[in-house]
Amino acid sequence: MLMGNFQNSIDGKNRISVPARFRDELGYKCVVTRGLDNCLVLYPEIVWKEETEKIARLPKSDPKARAYIRFVFGAAFEVEIDKQGRTVVPQVLKDYAGLDKDVVAVGAVDHVEFWSKDVYDKIAAAGAPSDEDMAYISERYQV
């Protein structure tokens, strides 16, 4: 399970060091794409395959489903984690997430999110979800 958050940085060659705690679970080959809220999402190969199977079942007749498919797949790139534990972020994704220098890597159960530190700090400053929102999610999704 991928969990925790780590301060990181992106270098001049668009490389991000994947935290050591995440590397074994992620494996050597991954897929990186746009995530919600202007983060990037790094999926292990097996999880990406599961995600693509779910997305492939979306109704192509639904304009929102088609937009979602374009959003996720239109910016998806296969990447590798090198021997130093780094992966290259394509420029289009770096621009989307506003990654400049400081990055936060967040384990999110089955994938890793990469956030601009500024954006992540703003979200964190907004505080945790309310008790009512937490109860709603817990009830609605049986967690």
N, C-alpha and C. Protein backbone atom coordinates (compact mmCIF):
# COMPACT_ATOMS: atom_id res chain seq x y z
N MET A 1 0.84 -1.17 0.00
CA MET A 1 0.00 0.00 0.00
C MET A 1 0.89 1.24 0.00
N LEU A 2 0.54 2.18 -0.84
CA LEU A 2 1.30 3.43 -0.95
C LEU A 2 0.67 4.47 -0.02
N MET A 3 1.46 4.96 0.92
CA MET A 3 0.93 5.95 1.87
C MET A 3 2.05 6.84 2.37
N GLY A 4 1.66 7.98 2.91
CA GLY A 4 2.62 8.96 3.40
C GLY A 4 2.88 10.04 2.37
N ASN A 5 3.56 11.10 2.80
CA ASN A 5 3.96 12.14 1.85
C ASN A 5 5.40 12.55 2.11
N PHE A 6 6.05 12.93 1.02
CA PHE A 6 7.47 13.22 1.06
C PHE A 6 7.78 14.48 0.27
N GLN A 7 8.61 15.34 0.83
CA GLN A 7 9.07 16.54 0.13
C GLN A 7 10.11 16.10 -0.90
N ASN A 8 10.07 16.74 -2.03
CA ASN A 8 10.91 16.32 -3.13
C ASN A 8 11.21 17.54 -4.00
N SER A 9 11.87 17.32 -5.12
CA SER A 9 12.09 18.41 -6.07
C SER A 9 12.16 17.83 -7.47
N ILE A 10 12.01 18.70 -8.45
CA ILE A 10 12.15 18.30 -9.84
C ILE A 10 13.38 19.04 -10.37
N ASP A 11 14.23 18.33 -11.11
CA ASP A 11 15.46 18.96 -11.56
C ASP A 11 15.30 19.59 -12.95
N GLY A 12 16.36 20.15 -13.46
CA GLY A 12 16.34 20.84 -14.76
C GLY A 12 16.08 19.92 -15.93
N LYS A 13 16.20 18.61 -15.73
CA LYS A 13 15.92 17.63 -16.79
C LYS A 13 14.55 16.99 -16.59
N ASN A 14 13.71 17.63 -15.78
CA ASN A 14 12.35 17.15 -15.49
C ASN A 14 12.32 15.79 -14.80
N ARG A 15 13.33 15.50 -13.99
CA ARG A 15 13.37 14.24 -13.26
C ARG A 15 12.93 14.46 -11.82
N ILE A 16 12.09 13.54 -11.36
CA ILE A 16 11.66 13.53 -9.96
C ILE A 16 12.15 12.23 -9.36
N SER A 17 12.69 12.33 -8.16
CA SER A 17 13.09 11.14 -7.44
C SER A 17 11.85 10.55 -6.76
N VAL A 18 11.57 9.30 -7.08
CA VAL A 18 10.43 8.61 -6.46
C VAL A 18 10.89 8.15 -5.08
N PRO A 19 10.15 8.50 -4.03
CA PRO A 19 10.57 8.09 -2.69
C PRO A 19 10.84 6.59 -2.61
N ALA A 20 11.91 6.23 -1.91
CA ALA A 20 12.33 4.83 -1.80
C ALA A 20 11.21 3.94 -1.27
N ARG A 21 10.40 4.46 -0.36
CA ARG A 21 9.30 3.66 0.21
C ARG A 21 8.27 3.25 -0.84
N PHE A 22 8.21 3.97 -1.96
CA PHE A 22 7.22 3.68 -2.99
C PHE A 22 7.75 2.76 -4.10
N ARG A 23 9.05 2.69 -4.25
CA ARG A 23 9.64 2.07 -5.45
C ARG A 23 9.31 0.59 -5.62
N ASP A 24 9.39 -0.18 -4.55
CA ASP A 24 9.12 -1.62 -4.69
C ASP A 24 7.70 -1.87 -5.18
N GLU A 25 6.75 -1.17 -4.62
CA GLU A 25 5.36 -1.37 -5.02
C GLU A 25 5.07 -0.84 -6.42
N LEU A 26 5.74 0.25 -6.80
CA LEU A 26 5.52 0.81 -8.13
C LEU A 26 6.15 -0.05 -9.22
N GLY A 27 7.29 -0.62 -8.93
CA GLY A 27 8.00 -1.39 -9.94
C GLY A 27 8.81 -0.49 -10.85
N TYR A 28 9.31 -1.06 -11.92
CA TYR A 28 10.23 -0.38 -12.83
C TYR A 28 9.48 0.45 -13.87
N LYS A 29 8.38 -0.08 -14.39
CA LYS A 29 7.61 0.63 -15.41
C LYS A 29 6.29 1.12 -14.83
N CYS A 30 5.97 2.37 -15.15
CA CYS A 30 4.76 3.00 -14.64
C CYS A 30 4.11 3.82 -15.75
N VAL A 31 2.96 4.37 -15.43
CA VAL A 31 2.29 5.33 -16.31
C VAL A 31 2.02 6.57 -15.49
N VAL A 32 2.35 7.73 -16.07
CA VAL A 32 2.06 9.01 -15.42
C VAL A 32 1.08 9.77 -16.29
N THR A 33 0.12 10.41 -15.65
CA THR A 33 -0.89 11.19 -16.37
C THR A 33 -1.42 12.30 -15.47
N ARG A 34 -2.33 13.09 -16.06
CA ARG A 34 -2.97 14.16 -15.28
C ARG A 34 -3.88 13.56 -14.23
N GLY A 35 -3.88 14.18 -13.06
CA GLY A 35 -4.81 13.81 -12.00
C GLY A 35 -5.75 14.97 -11.75
N LEU A 36 -6.70 14.75 -10.89
CA LEU A 36 -7.63 15.81 -10.53
C LEU A 36 -6.94 16.83 -9.63
N ASP A 37 -7.45 18.02 -9.60
CA ASP A 37 -6.93 19.09 -8.74
C ASP A 37 -5.50 19.52 -9.10
N ASN A 38 -5.12 19.33 -10.35
CA ASN A 38 -3.81 19.75 -10.87
C ASN A 38 -2.62 19.00 -10.26
N CYS A 39 -2.81 17.73 -9.95
CA CYS A 39 -1.67 16.91 -9.56
C CYS A 39 -1.37 15.95 -10.70
N LEU A 40 -0.25 15.26 -10.61
CA LEU A 40 0.07 14.17 -11.53
C LEU A 40 -0.13 12.87 -10.79
N VAL A 41 -0.50 11.84 -11.54
CA VAL A 41 -0.72 10.53 -10.94
C VAL A 41 0.23 9.53 -11.60
N LEU A 42 0.96 8.80 -10.76
CA LEU A 42 1.89 7.77 -11.21
C LEU A 42 1.31 6.42 -10.81
N TYR A 43 0.97 5.62 -11.83
CA TYR A 43 0.36 4.31 -11.60
C TYR A 43 1.37 3.19 -11.86
N PRO A 44 1.41 2.18 -10.98
CA PRO A 44 2.16 0.97 -11.34
C PRO A 44 1.47 0.33 -12.55
N GLU A 45 2.21 -0.42 -13.34
CA GLU A 45 1.65 -1.03 -14.54
C GLU A 45 0.36 -1.80 -14.28
N ILE A 46 0.32 -2.61 -13.24
CA ILE A 46 -0.85 -3.44 -12.97
C ILE A 46 -2.08 -2.59 -12.62
N VAL A 47 -1.88 -1.53 -11.88
CA VAL A 47 -3.01 -0.66 -11.52
C VAL A 47 -3.48 0.10 -12.75
N TRP A 48 -2.55 0.54 -13.59
CA TRP A 48 -2.93 1.24 -14.82
C TRP A 48 -3.80 0.33 -15.69
N LYS A 49 -3.43 -0.94 -15.77
CA LYS A 49 -4.22 -1.88 -16.55
C LYS A 49 -5.64 -1.97 -16.00
N GLU A 50 -5.78 -2.04 -14.69
CA GLU A 50 -7.11 -2.09 -14.05
C GLU A 50 -7.90 -0.81 -14.35
N GLU A 51 -7.22 0.34 -14.27
CA GLU A 51 -7.88 1.62 -14.55
C GLU A 51 -8.36 1.69 -15.99
N THR A 52 -7.53 1.22 -16.93
CA THR A 52 -7.91 1.28 -18.34
C THR A 52 -9.11 0.37 -18.61
N GLU A 53 -9.18 -0.76 -17.93
CA GLU A 53 -10.33 -1.65 -18.11
C GLU A 53 -11.62 -0.98 -17.62
N LYS A 54 -11.54 -0.27 -16.50
CA LYS A 54 -12.72 0.46 -16.00
C LYS A 54 -13.12 1.57 -16.95
N ILE A 55 -12.13 2.33 -17.39
CA ILE A 55 -12.41 3.47 -18.27
C ILE A 55 -12.95 3.00 -19.62
N ALA A 56 -12.47 1.87 -20.09
CA ALA A 56 -12.93 1.33 -21.38
C ALA A 56 -14.42 1.00 -21.35
N ARG A 57 -14.97 0.78 -20.16
CA ARG A 57 -16.40 0.46 -20.03
C ARG A 57 -17.29 1.71 -19.99
N LEU A 58 -16.68 2.89 -19.97
CA LEU A 58 -17.49 4.11 -19.96
C LEU A 58 -18.25 4.22 -21.28
N PRO A 59 -19.47 4.75 -21.23
CA PRO A 59 -20.26 4.86 -22.46
C PRO A 59 -19.71 5.94 -23.39
N LYS A 60 -19.31 5.54 -24.56
CA LYS A 60 -18.76 6.49 -25.53
C LYS A 60 -19.80 7.49 -26.02
N SER A 61 -21.07 7.19 -25.78
CA SER A 61 -22.13 8.11 -26.18
C SER A 61 -22.29 9.28 -25.21
N ASP A 62 -21.66 9.19 -24.04
CA ASP A 62 -21.76 10.24 -23.02
C ASP A 62 -20.63 11.25 -23.23
N PRO A 63 -20.96 12.52 -23.51
CA PRO A 63 -19.91 13.53 -23.75
C PRO A 63 -18.98 13.72 -22.54
N LYS A 64 -19.50 13.58 -21.32
CA LYS A 64 -18.64 13.73 -20.13
C LYS A 64 -17.67 12.56 -20.03
N ALA A 65 -18.12 11.38 -20.39
CA ALA A 65 -17.23 10.21 -20.38
C ALA A 65 -16.13 10.39 -21.42
N ARG A 66 -16.49 10.86 -22.61
CA ARG A 66 -15.49 11.08 -23.65
C ARG A 66 -14.47 12.12 -23.20
N ALA A 67 -14.94 13.18 -22.55
CA ALA A 67 -14.02 14.22 -22.06
C ALA A 67 -13.08 13.64 -21.00
N TYR A 68 -13.61 12.80 -20.14
CA TYR A 68 -12.78 12.17 -19.11
C TYR A 68 -11.71 11.28 -19.75
N ILE A 69 -12.10 10.49 -20.73
CA ILE A 69 -11.16 9.61 -21.43
C ILE A 69 -10.04 10.44 -22.05
N ARG A 70 -10.41 11.54 -22.71
CA ARG A 70 -9.39 12.41 -23.33
C ARG A 70 -8.49 13.02 -22.27
N PHE A 71 -9.08 13.42 -21.14
CA PHE A 71 -8.31 14.03 -20.06
C PHE A 71 -7.24 13.07 -19.55
N VAL A 72 -7.62 11.83 -19.28
CA VAL A 72 -6.70 10.86 -18.70
C VAL A 72 -5.73 10.31 -19.74
N PHE A 73 -6.26 9.83 -20.85
CA PHE A 73 -5.41 9.15 -21.84
C PHE A 73 -4.67 10.10 -22.76
N GLY A 74 -5.20 11.30 -22.95
CA GLY A 74 -4.55 12.26 -23.83
C GLY A 74 -3.22 12.77 -23.31
N ALA A 75 -2.97 12.55 -22.02
CA ALA A 75 -1.71 13.01 -21.43
C ALA A 75 -1.04 11.88 -20.65
N ALA A 76 -1.32 10.63 -21.02
CA ALA A 76 -0.71 9.49 -20.34
C ALA A 76 0.58 9.10 -21.04
N PHE A 77 1.61 8.85 -20.24
CA PHE A 77 2.92 8.48 -20.76
C PHE A 77 3.47 7.31 -19.98
N GLU A 78 4.02 6.33 -20.69
CA GLU A 78 4.75 5.26 -20.03
C GLU A 78 6.11 5.82 -19.62
N VAL A 79 6.48 5.57 -18.38
CA VAL A 79 7.76 6.04 -17.86
C VAL A 79 8.45 4.90 -17.12
N GLU A 80 9.73 5.06 -16.91
CA GLU A 80 10.51 4.08 -16.16
C GLU A 80 11.15 4.76 -14.97
N ILE A 81 11.34 3.99 -13.93
CA ILE A 81 12.08 4.47 -12.77
C ILE A 81 13.50 3.94 -12.92
N ASP A 82 14.47 4.86 -13.00
CA ASP A 82 15.85 4.45 -13.26
C ASP A 82 16.52 3.90 -11.99
N LYS A 83 17.76 3.48 -12.12
CA LYS A 83 18.48 2.86 -11.01
C LYS A 83 18.67 3.81 -9.83
N GLN A 84 18.62 5.11 -10.07
CA GLN A 84 18.72 6.10 -8.99
C GLN A 84 17.35 6.43 -8.39
N GLY A 85 16.30 5.77 -8.90
CA GLY A 85 14.96 5.98 -8.37
C GLY A 85 14.26 7.20 -8.94
N ARG A 86 14.72 7.67 -10.10
CA ARG A 86 14.12 8.86 -10.71
C ARG A 86 13.26 8.48 -11.91
N THR A 87 12.28 9.33 -12.18
CA THR A 87 11.49 9.21 -13.40
C THR A 87 11.40 10.57 -14.06
N VAL A 88 11.28 10.58 -15.36
CA VAL A 88 11.18 11.82 -16.12
C VAL A 88 9.71 12.19 -16.28
N VAL A 89 9.40 13.43 -16.01
CA VAL A 89 8.04 13.96 -16.19
C VAL A 89 7.99 14.70 -17.51
N PRO A 90 7.14 14.26 -18.45
CA PRO A 90 7.02 14.99 -19.71
C PRO A 90 6.64 16.45 -19.47
N GLN A 91 7.16 17.33 -20.31
CA GLN A 91 6.96 18.77 -20.14
C GLN A 91 5.48 19.15 -20.04
N VAL A 92 4.64 18.53 -20.86
CA VAL A 92 3.21 18.87 -20.84
C VAL A 92 2.59 18.59 -19.47
N LEU A 93 3.05 17.54 -18.81
CA LEU A 93 2.54 17.22 -17.48
C LEU A 93 3.15 18.13 -16.42
N LYS A 94 4.41 18.45 -16.59
CA LYS A 94 5.06 19.40 -15.67
C LYS A 94 4.32 20.73 -15.69
N ASP A 95 3.96 21.18 -16.90
CA ASP A 95 3.22 22.44 -17.04
C ASP A 95 1.82 22.33 -16.43
N TYR A 96 1.13 21.23 -16.68
CA TYR A 96 -0.23 21.04 -16.14
C TYR A 96 -0.24 21.14 -14.63
N ALA A 97 0.72 20.48 -13.97
CA ALA A 97 0.75 20.45 -12.50
C ALA A 97 1.46 21.66 -11.90
N GLY A 98 2.04 22.51 -12.74
CA GLY A 98 2.75 23.68 -12.23
C GLY A 98 3.98 23.32 -11.41
N LEU A 99 4.64 22.22 -11.80
CA LEU A 99 5.83 21.79 -11.06
C LEU A 99 6.99 22.69 -11.44
N ASP A 100 7.54 23.36 -10.44
CA ASP A 100 8.64 24.28 -10.68
C ASP A 100 9.91 23.74 -10.05
N LYS A 101 9.94 23.65 -8.76
CA LYS A 101 11.11 23.10 -8.07
C LYS A 101 10.66 22.15 -6.97
N ASP A 102 9.93 22.67 -6.00
CA ASP A 102 9.52 21.86 -4.85
C ASP A 102 8.27 21.06 -5.18
N VAL A 103 8.36 19.76 -4.87
CA VAL A 103 7.31 18.81 -5.20
C VAL A 103 6.97 18.01 -3.93
N VAL A 104 5.71 17.63 -3.80
CA VAL A 104 5.29 16.73 -2.73
C VAL A 104 4.80 15.44 -3.39
N ALA A 105 5.34 14.31 -2.96
CA ALA A 105 4.90 13.00 -3.43
C ALA A 105 4.00 12.41 -2.35
N VAL A 106 2.79 12.03 -2.75
CA VAL A 106 1.80 11.53 -1.80
C VAL A 106 1.38 10.12 -2.20
N GLY A 107 1.52 9.18 -1.28
CA GLY A 107 1.01 7.83 -1.51
C GLY A 107 -0.49 7.84 -1.35
N ALA A 108 -1.20 7.31 -2.33
CA ALA A 108 -2.66 7.33 -2.32
C ALA A 108 -3.20 5.92 -2.59
N VAL A 109 -2.90 5.00 -1.72
CA VAL A 109 -3.33 3.61 -1.72
C VAL A 109 -2.67 2.79 -2.84
N ASP A 110 -3.09 3.03 -4.11
CA ASP A 110 -2.58 2.22 -5.21
C ASP A 110 -1.83 3.03 -6.27
N HIS A 111 -1.61 4.31 -5.99
CA HIS A 111 -0.88 5.17 -6.91
C HIS A 111 -0.18 6.28 -6.12
N VAL A 112 0.66 7.03 -6.80
CA VAL A 112 1.37 8.15 -6.17
C VAL A 112 0.93 9.43 -6.86
N GLU A 113 0.66 10.46 -6.08
CA GLU A 113 0.35 11.77 -6.63
C GLU A 113 1.57 12.67 -6.45
N PHE A 114 1.88 13.44 -7.49
CA PHE A 114 2.93 14.45 -7.41
C PHE A 114 2.27 15.81 -7.48
N TRP A 115 2.55 16.63 -6.49
CA TRP A 115 1.94 17.95 -6.36
C TRP A 115 3.00 19.04 -6.36
N SER A 116 2.69 20.18 -6.93
CA SER A 116 3.47 21.37 -6.69
C SER A 116 3.34 21.65 -5.19
N LYS A 117 4.44 21.93 -4.52
CA LYS A 117 4.37 22.18 -3.07
C LYS A 117 3.42 23.33 -2.76
N ASP A 118 3.43 24.37 -3.57
CA ASP A 118 2.53 25.51 -3.34
C ASP A 118 1.06 25.08 -3.38
N VAL A 119 0.70 24.30 -4.38
CA VAL A 119 -0.70 23.84 -4.50
C VAL A 119 -1.04 22.90 -3.34
N TYR A 120 -0.14 21.98 -3.03
CA TYR A 120 -0.39 21.04 -1.94
C TYR A 120 -0.55 21.78 -0.61
N ASP A 121 0.29 22.78 -0.38
CA ASP A 121 0.19 23.56 0.86
C ASP A 121 -1.14 24.30 0.96
N LYS A 122 -1.65 24.81 -0.16
CA LYS A 122 -2.95 25.49 -0.15
C LYS A 122 -4.08 24.52 0.19
N ILE A 123 -4.01 23.33 -0.38
CA ILE A 123 -5.03 22.32 -0.09
C ILE A 123 -4.95 21.92 1.38
N ALA A 124 -3.74 21.71 1.88
CA ALA A 124 -3.55 21.33 3.29
C ALA A 124 -4.02 22.43 4.22
N ALA A 125 -3.79 23.69 3.83
CA ALA A 125 -4.21 24.82 4.67
C ALA A 125 -5.73 24.94 4.73
N ALA A 126 -6.40 24.43 3.71
CA ALA A 126 -7.87 24.48 3.70
C ALA A 126 -8.45 23.56 4.77
N GLY A 127 -7.64 22.64 5.26
CA GLY A 127 -8.06 21.78 6.36
C GLY A 127 -8.64 20.46 5.89
N ALA A 128 -8.87 19.62 6.85
CA ALA A 128 -9.44 18.30 6.60
C ALA A 128 -10.91 18.44 6.24
N PRO A 129 -11.45 17.43 5.57
CA PRO A 129 -12.89 17.45 5.30
C PRO A 129 -13.67 17.52 6.62
N SER A 130 -14.84 18.08 6.57
CA SER A 130 -15.67 18.19 7.77
C SER A 130 -16.10 16.80 8.23
N ASP A 131 -16.53 16.72 9.48
CA ASP A 131 -17.03 15.45 10.00
C ASP A 131 -18.22 14.96 9.16
N GLU A 132 -19.06 15.91 8.73
CA GLU A 132 -20.23 15.54 7.93
C GLU A 132 -19.79 14.94 6.58
N ASP A 133 -18.77 15.56 5.96
CA ASP A 133 -18.27 15.03 4.69
C ASP A 133 -17.64 13.65 4.88
N MET A 134 -16.88 13.49 5.95
CA MET A 134 -16.25 12.20 6.23
C MET A 134 -17.33 11.13 6.47
N ALA A 135 -18.37 11.47 7.22
CA ALA A 135 -19.45 10.52 7.48
C ALA A 135 -20.17 10.16 6.18
N TYR A 136 -20.41 11.16 5.34
CA TYR A 136 -21.08 10.92 4.06
C TYR A 136 -20.26 9.94 3.20
N ILE A 137 -18.97 10.19 3.07
CA ILE A 137 -18.11 9.32 2.26
C ILE A 137 -18.09 7.91 2.85
N SER A 138 -17.95 7.83 4.15
CA SER A 138 -17.92 6.53 4.82
C SER A 138 -19.19 5.74 4.55
N GLU A 139 -20.33 6.39 4.70
CA GLU A 139 -21.61 5.74 4.44
C GLU A 139 -21.82 5.42 2.99
N ARG A 140 -21.59 6.40 2.14
CA ARG A 140 -21.86 6.27 0.70
C ARG A 140 -21.02 5.18 0.06
N TYR A 141 -19.76 5.06 0.47
CA TYR A 141 -18.84 4.13 -0.18
C TYR A 141 -18.44 2.96 0.72
N GLN A 142 -19.09 2.85 1.87
CA GLN A 142 -18.86 1.72 2.77
C GLN A 142 -17.40 1.57 3.20
N VAL A 143 -16.79 2.69 3.61
CA VAL A 143 -15.41 2.61 4.12
C VAL A 143 -15.38 2.90 5.60
